[in-house]
Amino acid sequence: MPYLTKEKKASIFAEYGGKATNTGSIEGQVALLTERITEISNHLQANQKDHSTQRGLMKMVGQRKRLLGYMQKHNLQGYRALIEKLGLRK
């Protein structure tokens, strides 16, 4: 069973992207990646030798970093609010 169901994704996009159907919003994409990164990090703590999943995790972290960099350049107030809301950059 996948850890991100259709309803869970819709609720993430509704909370961060404005509407559940607004799947292209930067805020929603970053929130979804953060959720996936958290789940995969928990998986890797139990399965330390799962190198293919570790590579996928690094790709997701890089994608989130690129999206946050874009957002920081184009919408600084939204960037700061999203970082605060997601609990990133402590």
N, C-alpha and C. Protein backbone atom coordinates (compact mmCIF):
# COMPACT_ATOMS: atom_id res chain seq x y z
N MET A 1 0.84 -1.18 0.00
CA MET A 1 0.00 0.00 0.00
C MET A 1 0.89 1.25 0.00
N PRO A 2 0.65 2.15 -0.91
CA PRO A 2 1.48 3.36 -0.97
C PRO A 2 1.21 4.27 0.22
N TYR A 3 2.26 4.96 0.63
CA TYR A 3 2.12 5.83 1.78
C TYR A 3 1.49 7.17 1.40
N LEU A 4 1.50 7.51 0.11
CA LEU A 4 0.85 8.74 -0.36
C LEU A 4 -0.35 8.36 -1.22
N THR A 5 -1.50 8.36 -0.62
CA THR A 5 -2.71 8.04 -1.36
C THR A 5 -3.19 9.27 -2.13
N LYS A 6 -4.17 9.06 -2.97
CA LYS A 6 -4.73 10.15 -3.76
C LYS A 6 -5.32 11.23 -2.85
N GLU A 7 -5.97 10.80 -1.79
CA GLU A 7 -6.58 11.75 -0.86
C GLU A 7 -5.52 12.55 -0.11
N LYS A 8 -4.42 11.89 0.27
CA LYS A 8 -3.33 12.56 0.99
C LYS A 8 -2.67 13.61 0.09
N LYS A 9 -2.44 13.27 -1.17
CA LYS A 9 -1.86 14.23 -2.11
C LYS A 9 -2.79 15.42 -2.31
N ALA A 10 -4.08 15.14 -2.44
CA ALA A 10 -5.04 16.22 -2.63
C ALA A 10 -5.07 17.14 -1.41
N SER A 11 -4.96 16.57 -0.22
CA SER A 11 -4.98 17.41 0.98
C SER A 11 -3.71 18.25 1.08
N ILE A 12 -2.57 17.70 0.65
CA ILE A 12 -1.33 18.47 0.67
C ILE A 12 -1.43 19.64 -0.30
N PHE A 13 -1.92 19.38 -1.51
CA PHE A 13 -2.04 20.46 -2.49
C PHE A 13 -3.11 21.47 -2.08
N ALA A 14 -4.16 21.02 -1.40
CA ALA A 14 -5.18 21.95 -0.94
C ALA A 14 -4.63 22.86 0.15
N GLU A 15 -3.80 22.30 1.02
CA GLU A 15 -3.26 23.09 2.13
C GLU A 15 -2.19 24.07 1.66
N TYR A 16 -1.30 23.64 0.78
CA TYR A 16 -0.17 24.47 0.39
C TYR A 16 -0.34 25.14 -0.97
N GLY A 17 -1.07 24.53 -1.87
CA GLY A 17 -1.19 25.07 -3.21
C GLY A 17 -2.45 25.88 -3.47
N GLY A 18 -3.32 25.98 -2.50
CA GLY A 18 -4.55 26.74 -2.68
C GLY A 18 -5.75 25.86 -2.96
N LYS A 19 -5.68 25.05 -4.01
CA LYS A 19 -6.76 24.12 -4.37
C LYS A 19 -6.16 22.72 -4.53
N ALA A 20 -7.01 21.73 -4.40
CA ALA A 20 -6.54 20.35 -4.54
C ALA A 20 -6.12 20.05 -5.97
N THR A 21 -6.68 20.79 -6.94
CA THR A 21 -6.35 20.54 -8.34
C THR A 21 -5.17 21.36 -8.82
N ASN A 22 -4.63 22.24 -7.98
CA ASN A 22 -3.50 23.09 -8.35
C ASN A 22 -2.20 22.34 -8.09
N THR A 23 -1.95 21.29 -8.87
CA THR A 23 -0.78 20.45 -8.64
C THR A 23 0.50 21.05 -9.20
N GLY A 24 0.42 22.14 -9.92
CA GLY A 24 1.61 22.75 -10.49
C GLY A 24 2.20 23.84 -9.62
N SER A 25 1.57 24.16 -8.50
CA SER A 25 2.10 25.24 -7.66
C SER A 25 3.41 24.81 -7.02
N ILE A 26 4.34 25.75 -6.94
CA ILE A 26 5.65 25.46 -6.37
C ILE A 26 5.49 25.05 -4.90
N GLU A 27 4.64 25.74 -4.17
CA GLU A 27 4.45 25.44 -2.75
C GLU A 27 3.94 24.02 -2.55
N GLY A 28 2.99 23.61 -3.37
CA GLY A 28 2.45 22.26 -3.28
C GLY A 28 3.48 21.20 -3.63
N GLN A 29 4.28 21.47 -4.66
CA GLN A 29 5.31 20.52 -5.06
C GLN A 29 6.36 20.35 -3.97
N VAL A 30 6.76 21.46 -3.35
CA VAL A 30 7.76 21.40 -2.28
C VAL A 30 7.19 20.64 -1.09
N ALA A 31 5.93 20.90 -0.75
CA ALA A 31 5.30 20.20 0.37
C ALA A 31 5.20 18.70 0.10
N LEU A 32 4.85 18.34 -1.13
CA LEU A 32 4.75 16.92 -1.48
C LEU A 32 6.12 16.26 -1.42
N LEU A 33 7.15 16.93 -1.95
CA LEU A 33 8.50 16.37 -1.88
C LEU A 33 8.96 16.23 -0.44
N THR A 34 8.61 17.19 0.40
CA THR A 34 8.99 17.11 1.81
C THR A 34 8.34 15.91 2.48
N GLU A 35 7.10 15.66 2.17
CA GLU A 35 6.40 14.49 2.73
C GLU A 35 7.06 13.19 2.27
N ARG A 36 7.38 13.12 0.98
CA ARG A 36 8.03 11.92 0.45
C ARG A 36 9.42 11.74 1.04
N ILE A 37 10.17 12.83 1.20
CA ILE A 37 11.52 12.76 1.77
C ILE A 37 11.46 12.25 3.20
N THR A 38 10.47 12.71 3.96
CA THR A 38 10.32 12.25 5.34
C THR A 38 10.04 10.75 5.40
N GLU A 39 9.14 10.29 4.55
CA GLU A 39 8.80 8.86 4.54
C GLU A 39 9.99 8.01 4.13
N ILE A 40 10.72 8.45 3.10
CA ILE A 40 11.85 7.66 2.62
C ILE A 40 12.99 7.68 3.64
N SER A 41 13.16 8.79 4.34
CA SER A 41 14.18 8.86 5.38
C SER A 41 13.89 7.86 6.49
N ASN A 42 12.62 7.75 6.86
CA ASN A 42 12.24 6.76 7.87
C ASN A 42 12.50 5.35 7.38
N HIS A 43 12.23 5.10 6.10
CA HIS A 43 12.48 3.78 5.51
C HIS A 43 13.97 3.46 5.55
N LEU A 44 14.80 4.46 5.22
CA LEU A 44 16.24 4.21 5.16
C LEU A 44 16.87 4.03 6.53
N GLN A 45 16.26 4.52 7.57
CA GLN A 45 16.78 4.28 8.91
C GLN A 45 16.67 2.80 9.27
N ALA A 46 15.64 2.15 8.78
CA ALA A 46 15.46 0.72 9.04
C ALA A 46 16.19 -0.14 8.02
N ASN A 47 16.40 0.36 6.80
CA ASN A 47 17.01 -0.40 5.72
C ASN A 47 18.23 0.36 5.20
N GLN A 48 19.33 0.29 5.92
CA GLN A 48 20.48 1.12 5.62
C GLN A 48 21.21 0.72 4.34
N LYS A 49 21.03 -0.50 3.89
CA LYS A 49 21.73 -0.95 2.70
C LYS A 49 20.92 -0.81 1.42
N ASP A 50 19.82 -0.11 1.47
CA ASP A 50 18.96 0.11 0.31
C ASP A 50 19.51 1.30 -0.49
N HIS A 51 20.50 1.04 -1.31
CA HIS A 51 21.22 2.11 -1.99
C HIS A 51 20.41 2.75 -3.12
N SER A 52 19.56 2.00 -3.77
CA SER A 52 18.77 2.59 -4.85
C SER A 52 17.76 3.58 -4.30
N THR A 53 17.18 3.29 -3.14
CA THR A 53 16.27 4.23 -2.51
C THR A 53 17.02 5.45 -2.02
N GLN A 54 18.25 5.24 -1.56
CA GLN A 54 19.06 6.36 -1.10
C GLN A 54 19.38 7.31 -2.26
N ARG A 55 19.61 6.76 -3.43
CA ARG A 55 19.85 7.60 -4.61
C ARG A 55 18.60 8.38 -4.97
N GLY A 56 17.45 7.73 -4.91
CA GLY A 56 16.20 8.42 -5.18
C GLY A 56 15.94 9.54 -4.18
N LEU A 57 16.29 9.31 -2.94
CA LEU A 57 16.14 10.33 -1.91
C LEU A 57 17.01 11.55 -2.22
N MET A 58 18.24 11.32 -2.64
CA MET A 58 19.14 12.43 -2.97
C MET A 58 18.62 13.23 -4.17
N LYS A 59 18.01 12.53 -5.14
CA LYS A 59 17.42 13.22 -6.29
C LYS A 59 16.24 14.09 -5.85
N MET A 60 15.43 13.57 -4.93
CA MET A 60 14.29 14.36 -4.44
C MET A 60 14.75 15.58 -3.65
N VAL A 61 15.79 15.41 -2.84
CA VAL A 61 16.32 16.53 -2.07
C VAL A 61 16.85 17.61 -3.02
N GLY A 62 17.52 17.20 -4.10
CA GLY A 62 18.02 18.16 -5.08
C GLY A 62 16.89 18.87 -5.80
N GLN A 63 15.84 18.15 -6.14
CA GLN A 63 14.69 18.76 -6.81
C GLN A 63 14.02 19.78 -5.89
N ARG A 64 13.87 19.43 -4.62
CA ARG A 64 13.26 20.36 -3.67
C ARG A 64 14.15 21.60 -3.51
N LYS A 65 15.45 21.40 -3.50
CA LYS A 65 16.38 22.53 -3.38
C LYS A 65 16.27 23.47 -4.58
N ARG A 66 16.14 22.90 -5.78
CA ARG A 66 15.98 23.74 -6.98
C ARG A 66 14.67 24.51 -6.95
N LEU A 67 13.59 23.85 -6.54
CA LEU A 67 12.29 24.53 -6.45
C LEU A 67 12.32 25.65 -5.41
N LEU A 68 12.98 25.40 -4.28
CA LEU A 68 13.06 26.43 -3.25
C LEU A 68 13.94 27.59 -3.71
N GLY A 69 14.98 27.31 -4.47
CA GLY A 69 15.82 28.38 -5.02
C GLY A 69 15.04 29.26 -5.98
N TYR A 70 14.23 28.65 -6.82
CA TYR A 70 13.39 29.40 -7.75
C TYR A 70 12.39 30.27 -6.97
N MET A 71 11.80 29.68 -5.97
CA MET A 71 10.82 30.41 -5.19
C MET A 71 11.47 31.56 -4.42
N GLN A 72 12.66 31.36 -3.95
CA GLN A 72 13.37 32.41 -3.22
C GLN A 72 13.67 33.60 -4.12
N LYS A 73 13.98 33.33 -5.38
CA LYS A 73 14.27 34.41 -6.33
C LYS A 73 13.02 35.18 -6.72
N HIS A 74 11.89 34.49 -6.87
CA HIS A 74 10.70 35.11 -7.44
C HIS A 74 9.63 35.50 -6.43
N ASN A 75 9.63 34.90 -5.24
CA ASN A 75 8.58 35.20 -4.25
C ASN A 75 9.17 35.01 -2.86
N LEU A 76 9.91 36.01 -2.39
CA LEU A 76 10.65 35.87 -1.14
C LEU A 76 9.72 35.72 0.07
N GLN A 77 8.63 36.47 0.12
CA GLN A 77 7.72 36.36 1.25
C GLN A 77 7.06 34.98 1.30
N GLY A 78 6.64 34.48 0.13
CA GLY A 78 6.06 33.15 0.07
C GLY A 78 7.06 32.07 0.44
N TYR A 79 8.31 32.28 0.03
CA TYR A 79 9.39 31.34 0.36
C TYR A 79 9.57 31.26 1.88
N ARG A 80 9.66 32.42 2.52
CA ARG A 80 9.87 32.44 3.97
C ARG A 80 8.68 31.83 4.71
N ALA A 81 7.47 32.09 4.23
CA ALA A 81 6.28 31.51 4.86
C ALA A 81 6.26 29.99 4.71
N LEU A 82 6.63 29.51 3.53
CA LEU A 82 6.64 28.06 3.28
C LEU A 82 7.69 27.36 4.13
N ILE A 83 8.87 27.94 4.23
CA ILE A 83 9.93 27.36 5.05
C ILE A 83 9.48 27.26 6.51
N GLU A 84 8.84 28.32 6.98
CA GLU A 84 8.34 28.33 8.36
C GLU A 84 7.25 27.28 8.56
N LYS A 85 6.34 27.17 7.59
CA LYS A 85 5.21 26.25 7.71
C LYS A 85 5.65 24.79 7.66
N LEU A 86 6.65 24.50 6.80
CA LEU A 86 7.12 23.12 6.67
C LEU A 86 8.15 22.75 7.73
N GLY A 87 8.72 23.74 8.39
CA GLY A 87 9.71 23.45 9.42
C GLY A 87 11.08 23.14 8.86
N LEU A 88 11.42 23.68 7.69
CA LEU A 88 12.72 23.47 7.09
C LEU A 88 13.68 24.57 7.55
N ARG A 89 14.96 24.34 7.41
CA ARG A 89 16.00 25.32 7.73
C ARG A 89 15.90 25.81 9.18
N LYS A 90 16.10 24.92 10.07
CA LYS A 90 15.98 25.27 11.48
C LYS A 90 17.11 26.14 11.96
